[in-house]
Amino acid sequence: MKFKIINTVLFMVFSLMQGHINAQENMENIETPFGDTFTLSSTKKSFTIGTNEENVKIELLDFMEEWGYDAPPENENRNHYSDVQYTLQVDIKGNKNTFNFYSSQIKQNDNFTIDIEHYTLLILSDNYANTSASIEMKINRKY
């Protein structure tokens, strides 16, 4: 009988400790609250935004420069172009969505917006230099 009580008490204590450890780990994973500006980069590829109860994980999966000319070589008036394509993955409660957009889309309107579920991703600016890139952005909750 004593053995059964001790096992039950130990099980409850370990369960409570595990719950407390998980709660601490979740708090440490939240890097910035909704509405605050943060920067994804080639060195800091992911962020968790929000609260313990409600959060969004965003990750910079890829970026690449696309360049070329707008006309064939025989055209004397051809122009060179260059643009950077970014790929983001957004994880909301285990639902992962991938988004692609270009640097020119950000510059065209001074920002670029992605609406997903109950959130708005606002891409404020980007910076690309050969092998590195960064994207300044913030995530807001829709009310």
Protein backbone atom coordinates (compact mmCIF):
# COMPACT_ATOMS: atom_id res chain seq x y z
CA MET A 1 0.00 0.00 0.00
CA LYS A 2 2.79 2.46 0.96
CA PHE A 3 4.61 1.57 -2.27
CA LYS A 4 1.51 2.42 -4.33
CA ILE A 5 1.08 5.79 -2.56
CA ILE A 6 4.76 6.66 -3.01
CA ASN A 7 4.57 5.77 -6.73
CA THR A 8 1.45 7.91 -7.16
CA VAL A 9 3.03 10.89 -5.36
CA LEU A 10 6.27 10.58 -7.35
CA PHE A 11 4.31 10.37 -10.61
CA MET A 12 2.38 13.55 -9.72
CA VAL A 13 5.57 15.41 -8.73
CA PHE A 14 7.35 14.43 -11.94
CA SER A 15 4.30 15.40 -14.01
CA LEU A 16 4.16 18.83 -12.39
CA MET A 17 7.90 19.31 -12.87
CA GLN A 18 7.65 18.37 -16.56
CA GLY A 19 4.79 20.83 -17.06
CA HIS A 20 6.81 23.58 -15.38
CA ILE A 21 9.88 22.81 -17.51
CA ASN A 22 7.78 22.86 -20.71
CA ALA A 23 6.25 26.22 -19.72
CA GLN A 24 9.73 27.67 -19.12
CA GLU A 25 10.97 26.36 -22.48
CA ASN A 26 7.98 27.94 -24.26
CA MET A 27 8.63 31.30 -22.60
CA GLU A 28 12.27 31.21 -23.66
CA ASN A 29 11.25 30.51 -27.28
CA ILE A 30 9.17 33.71 -27.61
CA GLU A 31 11.62 36.21 -29.03
CA THR A 32 9.44 39.26 -29.64
CA PRO A 33 5.78 40.22 -29.06
CA PHE A 34 3.26 40.88 -31.83
CA GLY A 35 3.66 44.33 -33.38
CA ASP A 36 7.38 44.71 -32.65
CA THR A 37 9.89 44.97 -35.48
CA PHE A 38 12.41 42.14 -35.91
CA THR A 39 14.95 41.09 -38.54
CA LEU A 40 15.29 37.73 -40.24
CA SER A 41 18.68 37.21 -41.84
CA SER A 42 21.00 34.67 -43.34
CA THR A 43 22.55 34.32 -39.87
CA LYS A 44 19.30 34.51 -37.79
CA LYS A 45 16.89 32.58 -40.00
CA SER A 46 13.93 32.09 -37.65
CA PHE A 47 11.92 33.94 -35.01
CA THR A 48 9.02 33.08 -32.74
CA ILE A 49 6.61 35.98 -32.31
CA GLY A 50 3.70 36.36 -29.90
CA THR A 51 2.88 34.97 -26.48
CA ASN A 52 2.97 31.54 -24.86
CA GLU A 53 -0.70 31.03 -25.66
CA GLU A 54 -0.58 32.36 -29.22
CA ASN A 55 2.55 32.48 -31.35
CA VAL A 56 3.81 32.40 -34.90
CA LYS A 57 7.13 30.94 -36.01
CA ILE A 58 8.61 32.44 -39.16
CA GLU A 59 11.68 31.22 -41.00
CA LEU A 60 13.70 32.51 -43.94
CA LEU A 61 14.04 29.38 -46.08
CA ASP A 62 15.82 30.80 -49.10
CA PHE A 63 16.84 33.90 -51.02
CA MET A 64 18.35 34.24 -54.45
CA GLU A 65 19.20 37.00 -56.85
CA GLU A 66 17.67 36.90 -60.30
CA TRP A 67 19.25 39.10 -62.94
CA GLY A 68 19.43 39.52 -66.66
CA TYR A 69 18.41 41.80 -69.50
CA ASP A 70 14.97 42.86 -70.69
CA ALA A 71 15.79 42.35 -74.38
CA PRO A 72 18.05 40.21 -76.61
CA PRO A 73 21.72 41.22 -77.13
CA GLU A 74 21.05 42.72 -80.57
CA ASN A 75 18.79 45.38 -79.01
CA GLU A 76 20.95 48.45 -78.29
CA ASN A 77 18.49 49.86 -75.76
CA ARG A 78 18.23 46.83 -73.51
CA ASN A 79 18.35 47.31 -69.75
CA HIS A 80 19.91 45.21 -67.02
CA TYR A 81 17.65 44.17 -64.13
CA SER A 82 18.30 42.57 -60.78
CA ASP A 83 15.82 41.37 -58.16
CA VAL A 84 15.97 39.15 -55.08
CA GLN A 85 13.38 36.44 -54.44
CA TYR A 86 12.73 35.49 -50.80
CA THR A 87 11.00 32.37 -49.49
CA LEU A 88 9.47 32.41 -46.00
CA GLN A 89 7.82 29.63 -44.07
CA VAL A 90 5.18 30.60 -41.50
CA ASP A 91 4.10 28.08 -38.87
CA ILE A 92 0.84 28.79 -37.02
CA LYS A 93 -0.22 26.01 -34.65
CA GLY A 94 1.52 23.40 -36.79
CA ASN A 95 0.04 24.66 -40.07
CA LYS A 96 3.00 25.58 -42.28
CA ASN A 97 2.60 27.94 -45.23
CA THR A 98 5.30 29.02 -47.66
CA PHE A 99 5.38 32.47 -49.28
CA ASN A 100 7.56 33.87 -52.06
CA PHE A 101 8.02 37.54 -52.80
CA TYR A 102 10.53 39.85 -54.47
CA SER A 103 12.59 42.76 -53.23
CA SER A 104 10.99 44.91 -55.95
CA GLN A 105 7.54 44.28 -54.39
CA ILE A 106 8.80 45.72 -51.09
CA LYS A 107 10.35 48.76 -52.77
CA GLN A 108 7.30 49.39 -54.97
CA ASN A 109 5.05 50.28 -52.00
CA ASP A 110 7.70 50.88 -49.31
CA ASN A 111 6.52 47.59 -47.76
CA PHE A 112 4.88 44.30 -48.65
CA THR A 113 1.96 42.70 -46.82
CA ILE A 114 1.00 39.03 -46.48
CA ASP A 115 -2.35 38.18 -44.87
CA ILE A 116 -2.59 34.74 -43.29
CA GLU A 117 -5.29 33.46 -40.95
CA HIS A 118 -5.55 35.95 -38.07
CA TYR A 119 -2.25 37.71 -38.78
CA THR A 120 -0.70 40.30 -41.06
CA LEU A 121 2.97 40.00 -41.97
CA LEU A 122 4.37 43.40 -42.85
CA ILE A 123 7.71 43.29 -44.69
CA LEU A 124 9.27 46.72 -44.11
CA SER A 125 12.59 46.46 -45.94
CA ASP A 126 15.27 44.10 -47.18
CA ASN A 127 18.99 44.15 -47.71
CA TYR A 128 20.83 41.77 -50.05
CA ALA A 129 24.59 41.46 -50.63
CA ASN A 130 25.74 38.44 -52.69
CA THR A 131 25.68 35.67 -50.05
CA SER A 132 23.77 37.37 -47.24
CA ALA A 133 20.32 38.87 -46.84
CA SER A 134 18.11 40.40 -44.18
CA ILE A 135 14.43 41.26 -43.99
CA GLU A 136 13.01 43.74 -41.49
CA MET A 137 9.40 42.97 -40.64
CA LYS A 138 6.69 42.73 -38.02
CA ILE A 139 3.67 40.51 -37.45
CA ASN A 140 0.38 41.95 -36.22
CA ARG A 141 -2.73 40.13 -35.02
CA LYS A 142 -5.95 40.96 -36.83
CA TYR A 143 -8.75 41.93 -34.47
